[in-house]
Amino acid sequence: MLGYYLDLALRSLRRNKALTALMVVAIALGIGASMTTLTVFYVLSGDPVPGKSDRLFFVQMDPQDMNGYTPGVEPPEQVTRLDAETLLRDGRGVRQALMAGGSVAIEPDREDLRPFYLRARYTSKDLFEMFDVPLRYGSAWGDAEDGDRARVAVISAALNDRLFDGADSTGGSIRLNQTTFRIVGVLDEWRPAPRFYDLTGTQYGEVEEVFLPFSTSRELSMSFSGNMSCWERYQGDQTESGAPCTWMQYWVELASPADAADYRAYLVNYYEQQSAAGRFERPTNVRLRDLMTWLEFKQVVPSDVRLQTWLAFAFLLVCLINTVGLLLAKFLRRSGEIGVRRALGASRRDILVQFLVEATVVGLAGGVLGLGLAWLGLWAVRQQPASYADLASLDPVMLATTFGLALAAGVLAGLLPAWRACRITPAIQLKSQ
């Protein structure tokens, strides 16, 4: 029976090709616009560490003096080196990592490459396992390398391709800031969106090209890059342990979300100890947010992307309303045909299903055309200078969403016209023939 209704729908649509094309284009425009913006929103608002984001927590505390203090103020988004190293040493989480960004100069061994600068991440060994960082070759360094300030490095897949043509380079060496480092691991393709572990810079850019032990970076006085906030005049190195400056990020992984209360209590106790020692002057002020809560707090999805998504779906609604009007006019013009079918024994349900099938065919045709428009729209997004532009592409989930949305659009657009068509009284129509 469904095949019969489908045949009727195709015959009906071919009879008035201009009207059919108008309805298909209306739905396609709405689908194309909405899927373009929805895909961008989906990419930017996704979970960067699926399956464990509710166990990853970002630590904040307020070590500043009383100058400019406002009750209830949000603590700094970064911590001091002293606090980060103390929390790391206490090791109250399943895993924990301190980190900061930097820049280093590399001297390639290849004659065809001149020295250039790399974006670096100075961190502790747990970062890789805690964030499920995939490794193509080798492994991360261990506690011994952290403690010994070892000259070891994990490099990105892109850097490995550039220096070693993609071969397994573990055990090899690179020269960074005129110091030789042994390569212990090579990342696989990894680009979390957003770059959640450090939101002080470009939130949707590529990850760093080299990862080094934080202890090693400080012993070699490697340059720091990122945000730094100091609240006292300080004549020494602002990155040294006792400096009154916040410039590091600190993450902790807990065994379960329920352990967050205990870890928060530990942070409060630590804060009060520092206050008693005269180091912290402000009232106790700590924050512990899980990964997705942290991203929501930081509003990592640009406001213009949110606005564009709402506007696109509003445009889709307008397109559907226009399609409803066109279908209603088309179906009611066939009142005589409907009267004959009803007189021959077709039920109201049969008429309803027949016209819903026709509306669904229109919706699916609009979805196919809308998919092409969405691809074109995403191509246009990728040409923009935004840091997230190259992430805008349809994956299988969004591809399925496109056809699901097209199917839903067709059914919704056809409900009212089909219901009105099935309510037509056959006797009146037959008398008018």
Protein backbone atom coordinates (compact mmCIF):
# COMPACT_ATOMS: atom_id res chain seq x y z
CA MET A 1 0.00 0.00 0.00
CA LEU A 2 2.87 2.37 0.78
CA GLY A 3 4.27 1.76 -2.70
CA TYR A 4 0.89 2.66 -4.17
CA TYR A 5 0.80 5.92 -2.21
CA LEU A 6 4.34 6.68 -3.27
CA ASP A 7 3.39 6.16 -6.92
CA LEU A 8 0.40 8.51 -6.49
CA ALA A 9 2.65 11.10 -4.85
CA LEU A 10 5.17 11.03 -7.70
CA ARG A 11 2.41 11.30 -10.29
CA SER A 12 0.87 14.25 -8.45
CA LEU A 13 4.21 16.05 -8.08
CA ARG A 14 5.02 15.60 -11.77
CA ARG A 15 1.67 17.08 -12.79
CA ASN A 16 2.63 20.50 -11.40
CA LYS A 17 6.38 20.69 -11.69
CA ALA A 18 6.66 24.42 -10.97
CA LEU A 19 4.75 24.18 -7.71
CA THR A 20 6.69 21.08 -6.73
CA ALA A 21 9.99 22.81 -7.43
CA LEU A 22 8.88 25.83 -5.37
CA MET A 23 8.05 23.66 -2.35
CA VAL A 24 11.29 21.64 -2.64
CA VAL A 25 13.39 24.80 -2.89
CA ALA A 26 11.60 26.38 0.10
CA ILE A 27 12.37 23.39 2.31
CA ALA A 28 15.91 23.07 0.90
CA LEU A 29 16.73 26.68 1.75
CA GLY A 30 15.50 26.21 5.32
CA ILE A 31 17.33 22.88 5.71
CA GLY A 32 20.54 24.22 4.19
CA ALA A 33 20.65 27.32 6.39
CA SER A 34 19.70 25.52 9.60
CA MET A 35 22.10 22.59 9.05
CA THR A 36 24.98 24.92 8.24
CA THR A 37 24.62 26.82 11.51
CA LEU A 38 23.64 23.73 13.52
CA THR A 39 26.76 21.89 12.32
CA VAL A 40 28.98 24.77 13.40
CA PHE A 41 27.22 24.90 16.78
CA TYR A 42 27.51 21.10 17.13
CA VAL A 43 31.25 21.17 16.41
CA LEU A 44 31.92 24.01 18.85
CA SER A 45 29.75 22.74 21.70
CA GLY A 46 30.74 19.07 21.69
CA ASP A 47 32.33 17.09 24.52
CA PRO A 48 36.11 17.16 23.92
CA VAL A 49 36.73 14.14 26.20
CA PRO A 50 33.68 11.88 25.76
CA GLY A 51 33.03 9.36 28.49
CA LYS A 52 35.02 11.02 31.24
CA SER A 53 34.37 14.76 31.06
CA ASP A 54 32.26 14.52 34.24
CA ARG A 55 35.37 13.29 36.10
CA LEU A 56 37.73 16.03 34.90
CA PHE A 57 37.78 19.19 37.01
CA PHE A 58 39.35 22.61 36.63
CA VAL A 59 40.77 24.15 39.81
CA GLN A 60 40.58 27.82 40.74
CA MET A 61 41.59 29.67 43.90
CA ASP A 62 42.21 33.30 44.83
CA PRO A 63 45.72 34.00 46.22
CA GLN A 64 45.58 37.77 45.59
CA ASP A 65 45.96 40.49 48.20
CA MET A 66 43.06 42.66 49.43
CA ASN A 67 43.73 45.46 46.96
CA GLY A 68 40.56 45.87 44.86
CA TYR A 69 38.78 43.01 46.61
CA THR A 70 35.03 42.64 45.99
CA PRO A 71 33.03 40.05 48.00
CA GLY A 72 31.85 37.15 45.85
CA VAL A 73 34.27 37.91 43.03
CA GLU A 74 35.22 35.00 40.76
CA PRO A 75 38.74 33.71 41.56
CA PRO A 76 41.44 33.93 38.87
CA GLU A 77 41.20 31.34 36.12
CA GLN A 78 44.82 30.34 36.65
CA VAL A 79 46.90 29.43 39.69
CA THR A 80 50.36 30.32 40.91
CA ARG A 81 53.26 27.99 40.31
CA LEU A 82 53.64 27.38 44.04
CA ASP A 83 50.02 26.31 44.43
CA ALA A 84 50.10 24.15 41.30
CA GLU A 85 53.23 22.33 42.38
CA THR A 86 51.87 21.83 45.92
CA LEU A 87 48.59 20.38 44.68
CA LEU A 88 50.49 18.14 42.29
CA ARG A 89 52.74 16.92 45.06
CA ASP A 90 49.76 16.17 47.32
CA GLY A 91 48.24 14.08 44.53
CA ARG A 92 44.69 13.91 45.92
CA GLY A 93 43.16 13.00 42.57
CA VAL A 94 43.39 9.87 40.46
CA ARG A 95 45.46 11.95 38.06
CA GLN A 96 46.44 15.60 38.02
CA ALA A 97 48.35 17.89 35.71
CA LEU A 98 49.77 21.38 35.91
CA MET A 99 50.53 23.13 32.65
CA ALA A 100 51.40 26.33 30.84
CA GLY A 101 52.05 27.35 27.26
CA GLY A 102 55.36 28.41 25.78
CA SER A 103 57.48 28.81 22.70
CA VAL A 104 60.76 27.11 21.77
CA ALA A 105 63.15 27.30 18.84
CA ILE A 106 63.99 24.09 16.99
CA GLU A 107 67.07 23.37 14.91
CA PRO A 108 66.12 20.59 12.47
CA ASP A 109 68.74 18.08 11.40
CA ARG A 110 67.39 18.16 7.85
CA GLU A 111 69.29 20.38 5.48
CA ASP A 112 66.12 21.46 3.71
CA LEU A 113 64.63 22.93 6.88
CA ARG A 114 65.76 26.11 8.58
CA PRO A 115 65.32 26.75 12.34
CA PHE A 116 61.80 27.79 13.32
CA TYR A 117 59.68 28.31 16.43
CA LEU A 118 57.28 25.79 17.93
CA ARG A 119 54.29 26.20 20.20
CA ALA A 120 55.08 24.21 23.34
CA ARG A 121 53.11 22.90 26.30
CA TYR A 122 54.97 22.52 29.60
CA THR A 123 53.14 19.97 31.71
CA SER A 124 53.34 16.94 33.98
CA LYS A 125 53.11 13.34 32.84
CA ASP A 126 49.42 12.70 33.66
CA LEU A 127 48.12 15.04 30.96
CA PHE A 128 48.21 12.37 28.26
CA GLU A 129 46.34 9.63 30.08
CA MET A 130 43.98 12.02 31.85
CA PHE A 131 42.79 13.63 28.60
CA ASP A 132 42.84 10.39 26.56
CA VAL A 133 45.47 11.82 24.24
CA PRO A 134 46.09 9.27 21.45
CA LEU A 135 49.70 8.31 20.75
CA ARG A 136 50.81 6.99 17.37
CA TYR A 137 54.26 5.94 18.55
CA GLY A 138 55.89 5.54 21.95
CA SER A 139 54.40 6.78 25.21
CA ALA A 140 54.38 9.68 27.61
CA TRP A 141 57.18 10.22 30.09
CA GLY A 142 56.87 9.05 33.69
CA ASP A 143 57.35 10.25 37.27
CA ALA A 144 61.10 9.73 37.06
CA GLU A 145 61.45 12.08 34.09
CA ASP A 146 59.32 14.71 35.84
CA GLY A 147 61.45 14.46 38.98
CA ASP A 148 64.79 14.36 37.18
CA ARG A 149 63.94 17.27 34.85
CA ALA A 150 64.73 14.92 31.99
CA ARG A 151 65.30 16.16 28.45
CA VAL A 152 62.40 14.24 26.92
CA ALA A 153 59.64 15.33 24.57
CA VAL A 154 56.39 14.20 23.01
CA ILE A 155 55.85 15.73 19.58
CA SER A 156 52.74 16.22 17.48
CA ALA A 157 51.90 14.15 14.42
CA ALA A 158 52.30 17.24 12.23
CA LEU A 159 55.82 17.92 13.55
CA ASN A 160 56.74 14.25 13.16
CA ASP A 161 55.59 14.36 9.54
CA ARG A 162 57.59 17.52 8.95
CA LEU A 163 60.82 16.32 10.54
CA PHE A 164 60.74 12.56 10.01
CA ASP A 165 58.30 12.05 7.11
CA GLY A 166 55.86 10.30 9.44
CA ALA A 167 58.24 7.50 10.50
CA ASP A 168 58.50 6.25 14.08
CA SER A 169 60.85 8.82 15.60
CA THR A 170 60.77 7.57 19.21
CA GLY A 171 64.29 7.21 20.50
CA GLY A 172 65.46 9.92 18.15
CA SER A 173 66.32 13.46 19.15
CA ILE A 174 65.46 17.07 18.42
CA ARG A 175 67.28 20.28 19.32
CA LEU A 176 65.16 22.78 21.22
CA ASN A 177 66.66 26.07 22.44
CA GLN A 178 70.13 24.59 21.76
CA THR A 179 69.39 21.60 24.04
CA THR A 180 69.01 18.02 22.82
CA PHE A 181 65.75 16.26 23.76
CA ARG A 182 64.96 12.59 23.32
CA ILE A 183 61.62 11.86 21.66
CA VAL A 184 59.62 9.41 23.79
CA GLY A 185 56.24 9.68 22.06
CA VAL A 186 54.44 10.94 18.97
CA LEU A 187 50.82 12.06 19.11
CA ASP A 188 48.24 10.66 16.78
CA GLU A 189 45.76 13.08 15.22
CA TRP A 190 44.34 15.01 18.18
CA ARG A 191 42.55 18.31 18.10
CA PRO A 192 39.96 18.69 20.87
CA ALA A 193 37.32 21.29 20.09
CA PRO A 194 37.47 23.52 21.98
CA ARG A 195 41.07 23.37 23.20
CA PHE A 196 39.59 23.02 26.67
CA TYR A 197 42.73 22.52 28.74
CA ASP A 198 43.85 26.14 28.21
CA LEU A 199 41.21 28.68 27.20
CA THR A 200 43.43 31.72 27.72
CA GLY A 201 44.43 31.81 24.06
CA THR A 202 42.90 30.57 20.83
CA GLN A 203 40.06 28.30 21.90
CA TYR A 204 39.73 26.34 18.67
CA GLY A 205 43.28 26.29 17.36
CA GLU A 206 45.64 23.40 16.82
CA VAL A 207 47.28 21.74 19.81
CA GLU A 208 50.90 22.49 20.59
CA GLU A 209 53.64 20.90 18.48
CA VAL A 210 55.81 19.75 21.36
CA PHE A 211 55.06 18.71 24.97
CA LEU A 212 57.82 18.96 27.59
CA PRO A 213 58.08 18.22 31.32
CA PHE A 214 57.25 21.38 33.22
CA SER A 215 60.19 20.86 35.58
CA THR A 216 62.55 20.71 32.60
CA SER A 217 61.13 23.89 31.10
CA ARG A 218 61.78 25.81 34.32
CA GLU A 219 65.31 24.50 34.73
CA LEU A 220 66.09 25.64 31.19
CA SER A 221 64.18 28.95 31.64
CA MET A 222 62.11 28.34 28.53
CA SER A 223 59.94 31.24 27.47
CA PHE A 224 56.35 31.37 28.66
CA SER A 225 53.42 32.47 26.49
CA GLY A 226 49.93 33.11 27.78
CA ASN A 227 48.15 35.29 30.33
CA MET A 228 49.90 36.29 33.54
CA SER A 229 48.43 38.33 36.37
CA CYS A 230 50.59 39.65 39.22
CA TRP A 231 49.30 41.66 42.18
CA GLU A 232 52.56 42.93 43.67
CA ARG A 233 55.61 44.69 42.31
CA TYR A 234 58.02 41.82 41.81
CA GLN A 235 61.60 42.29 40.74
CA GLY A 236 62.49 38.65 40.16
CA ASP A 237 61.44 36.04 37.60
CA GLN A 238 57.63 36.08 37.52
CA THR A 239 57.55 32.37 36.65
CA GLU A 240 59.55 31.23 39.67
CA SER A 241 57.84 29.29 42.42
CA GLY A 242 57.33 32.08 44.97
CA ALA A 243 56.21 34.79 42.55
CA PRO A 244 52.82 36.42 43.34
CA CYS A 245 51.51 35.70 39.85
CA THR A 246 48.86 33.43 38.42
CA TRP A 247 49.81 31.94 35.06
CA MET A 248 49.27 28.16 35.17
CA GLN A 249 46.31 25.86 34.58
CA TYR A 250 45.57 22.96 36.91
CA TRP A 251 43.35 19.96 36.13
CA VAL A 252 42.46 16.98 38.26
CA GLU A 253 40.74 13.69 37.43
CA LEU A 254 38.61 12.12 40.16
CA ALA A 255 37.38 8.55 40.41
CA SER A 256 33.74 9.63 40.13
CA PRO A 257 31.72 12.86 40.06
CA ALA A 258 30.69 12.11 43.66
CA ASP A 259 34.30 12.66 44.78
CA ALA A 260 34.11 16.33 43.81
CA ALA A 261 32.75 17.33 47.23
CA ASP A 262 35.71 15.70 49.00
CA TYR A 263 38.22 17.30 46.69
CA ARG A 264 36.56 20.69 47.10
CA ALA A 265 36.84 20.25 50.88
CA TYR A 266 40.55 19.51 50.40
CA LEU A 267 40.93 22.75 48.42
CA VAL A 268 39.11 24.73 51.11
CA ASN A 269 41.37 23.21 53.77
CA TYR A 270 44.45 24.05 51.70
CA TYR A 271 43.21 27.62 51.23
CA GLU A 272 42.65 28.04 54.96
CA GLN A 273 46.13 26.71 55.70
CA GLN A 274 47.63 29.29 53.34
CA SER A 275 45.50 31.99 54.97
CA ALA A 276 46.71 30.96 58.43
CA ALA A 277 50.29 31.17 57.17
CA GLY A 278 49.61 34.75 56.01
CA ARG A 279 50.00 33.96 52.33
CA PHE A 280 46.34 34.24 51.26
CA GLU A 281 44.65 37.45 52.39
CA ARG A 282 41.17 37.13 50.94
CA PRO A 283 38.31 35.08 52.42
CA THR A 284 38.17 31.48 51.25
CA ASN A 285 37.38 31.49 47.55
CA VAL A 286 37.83 28.29 45.53
CA ARG A 287 36.04 26.82 42.51
CA LEU A 288 35.96 23.27 41.19
CA ARG A 289 34.05 22.85 37.93
CA ASP A 290 33.80 19.73 35.79
CA LEU A 291 34.85 20.04 32.17
CA MET A 292 31.47 20.70 30.56
CA THR A 293 30.42 23.12 33.32
CA TRP A 294 33.70 24.96 32.81
CA LEU A 295 33.11 25.25 29.07
CA GLU A 296 29.59 26.51 29.68
CA PHE A 297 30.86 29.05 32.22
CA LYS A 298 33.45 30.27 29.72
CA GLN A 299 30.82 30.46 26.97
CA VAL A 300 33.19 28.87 24.49
CA VAL A 301 30.53 28.87 21.75
CA PRO A 302 30.70 32.38 20.24
CA SER A 303 27.52 34.40 20.74
CA ASP A 304 27.26 35.09 17.01
CA VAL A 305 27.14 31.34 16.32
CA ARG A 306 24.29 30.92 18.81
CA LEU A 307 22.40 33.83 17.25
CA GLN A 308 22.94 32.53 13.71
CA THR A 309 21.59 29.10 14.75
CA TRP A 310 18.39 30.60 16.17
CA LEU A 311 17.93 32.82 13.12
CA ALA A 312 18.46 29.88 10.75
CA PHE A 313 15.81 27.79 12.49
CA ALA A 314 13.46 30.77 12.44
CA PHE A 315 14.07 30.93 8.69
CA LEU A 316 13.31 27.19 8.45
CA LEU A 317 10.02 27.83 10.25
CA VAL A 318 9.12 30.54 7.74
CA CYS A 319 9.95 28.15 4.89
CA LEU A 320 7.73 25.47 6.45
CA ILE A 321 4.83 27.90 6.82
CA ASN A 322 5.15 28.80 3.14
CA THR A 323 5.26 25.11 2.23
CA VAL A 324 2.14 24.48 4.33
CA GLY A 325 0.31 27.17 2.37
CA LEU A 326 1.41 25.71 -0.97
CA LEU A 327 0.46 22.16 0.02
CA LEU A 328 -2.90 23.31 1.36
CA ALA A 329 -3.72 25.06 -1.92
CA LYS A 330 -2.50 22.04 -3.91
CA PHE A 331 -4.48 19.45 -1.92
CA LEU A 332 -7.71 21.44 -1.78
CA ARG A 333 -7.62 21.90 -5.54
CA ARG A 334 -7.93 18.13 -5.76
CA SER A 335 -11.22 18.06 -3.84
CA GLY A 336 -13.00 16.36 -6.71
CA GLU A 337 -10.42 13.58 -6.86
CA ILE A 338 -10.69 13.15 -3.10
CA GLY A 339 -14.49 12.96 -3.31
CA VAL A 340 -14.31 10.20 -5.92
CA ARG A 341 -11.83 8.20 -3.86
CA ARG A 342 -13.98 8.53 -0.76
CA ALA A 343 -17.07 7.45 -2.74
CA LEU A 344 -15.18 4.38 -3.97
CA GLY A 345 -14.48 3.32 -0.39
CA ALA A 346 -11.28 5.08 0.69
CA SER A 347 -11.35 6.03 4.35
CA ARG A 348 -10.27 9.34 5.82
CA ARG A 349 -7.19 7.57 7.13
CA ASP A 350 -6.31 6.45 3.59
CA ILE A 351 -6.58 10.03 2.32
CA LEU A 352 -4.51 11.30 5.26
CA VAL A 353 -1.74 8.78 4.66
CA GLN A 354 -1.74 9.42 0.90
CA PHE A 355 -1.16 13.13 1.28
CA LEU A 356 1.33 12.72 4.14
CA VAL A 357 3.39 10.46 1.87
CA GLU A 358 3.32 13.15 -0.81
CA ALA A 359 4.43 15.81 1.70
CA THR A 360 7.19 13.51 2.95
CA VAL A 361 8.50 13.03 -0.58
CA VAL A 362 8.65 16.81 -0.92
CA GLY A 363 10.51 17.02 2.39
CA LEU A 364 13.06 14.35 1.43
CA ALA A 365 13.67 15.98 -1.95
CA GLY A 366 14.18 19.27 -0.12
CA GLY A 367 16.55 17.48 2.25
CA VAL A 368 18.73 16.20 -0.60
CA LEU A 369 18.94 19.66 -2.11
CA GLY A 370 19.35 21.17 1.36
CA LEU A 371 22.28 18.83 2.01
CA GLY A 372 24.04 20.29 -1.00
CA LEU A 373 23.29 23.80 0.21
CA ALA A 374 24.62 22.87 3.68
CA TRP A 375 27.86 21.61 2.15
CA LEU A 376 28.13 24.85 0.22
CA GLY A 377 27.40 26.86 3.37
CA LEU A 378 30.03 24.97 5.38
CA TRP A 379 32.53 25.51 2.59
CA ALA A 380 31.85 29.24 2.92
CA VAL A 381 32.36 29.00 6.69
CA ARG A 382 35.73 27.31 6.15
CA GLN A 383 36.85 30.31 4.10
CA GLN A 384 36.34 32.64 7.08
CA PRO A 385 39.30 33.80 9.24
CA ALA A 386 37.72 32.41 12.45
CA SER A 387 39.88 29.95 14.42
CA TYR A 388 37.16 27.31 14.29
CA ALA A 389 36.45 27.67 10.55
CA ASP A 390 38.32 24.56 9.38
CA LEU A 391 36.35 22.41 11.84
CA ALA A 392 33.05 23.06 10.03
CA SER A 393 32.22 19.84 8.18
CA LEU A 394 29.40 17.31 8.15
CA ASP A 395 30.08 14.09 10.03
CA PRO A 396 27.80 10.99 9.94
CA VAL A 397 25.78 12.29 12.89
CA MET A 398 24.98 15.59 11.20
CA LEU A 399 24.37 13.83 7.89
CA ALA A 400 21.72 11.67 9.55
CA THR A 401 20.34 14.76 11.29
CA THR A 402 19.93 16.48 7.93
CA PHE A 403 17.69 13.73 6.56
CA GLY A 404 15.88 13.38 9.87
CA LEU A 405 15.15 17.10 9.86
CA ALA A 406 14.03 16.95 6.22
CA LEU A 407 11.69 14.04 6.99
CA ALA A 408 10.27 15.87 10.02
CA ALA A 409 9.88 19.06 7.97
CA GLY A 410 7.94 17.23 5.27
CA VAL A 411 5.61 15.53 7.77
CA LEU A 412 5.01 18.72 9.75
CA ALA A 413 4.38 20.74 6.61
CA GLY A 414 1.90 18.13 5.38
CA LEU A 415 -0.08 17.52 8.57
CA LEU A 416 -2.53 20.43 8.29
CA PRO A 417 -3.07 20.17 4.51
CA ALA A 418 -3.53 16.37 4.72
CA TRP A 419 -5.94 16.71 7.64
CA ARG A 420 -7.98 19.32 5.75
CA ALA A 421 -8.01 17.08 2.66
CA CYS A 422 -9.28 14.05 4.55
CA ARG A 423 -12.12 16.11 6.05
CA ILE A 424 -13.59 16.92 2.64
CA THR A 425 -17.20 15.67 2.33
CA PRO A 426 -17.46 13.41 -0.76
CA ALA A 427 -21.21 14.02 -1.36
CA ILE A 428 -20.73 17.78 -1.78
CA GLN A 429 -17.83 17.28 -4.18
CA LEU A 430 -19.71 14.73 -6.28
CA LYS A 431 -22.74 17.04 -6.59
CA SER A 432 -20.52 19.85 -7.85
CA GLN A 433 -18.97 17.73 -10.60
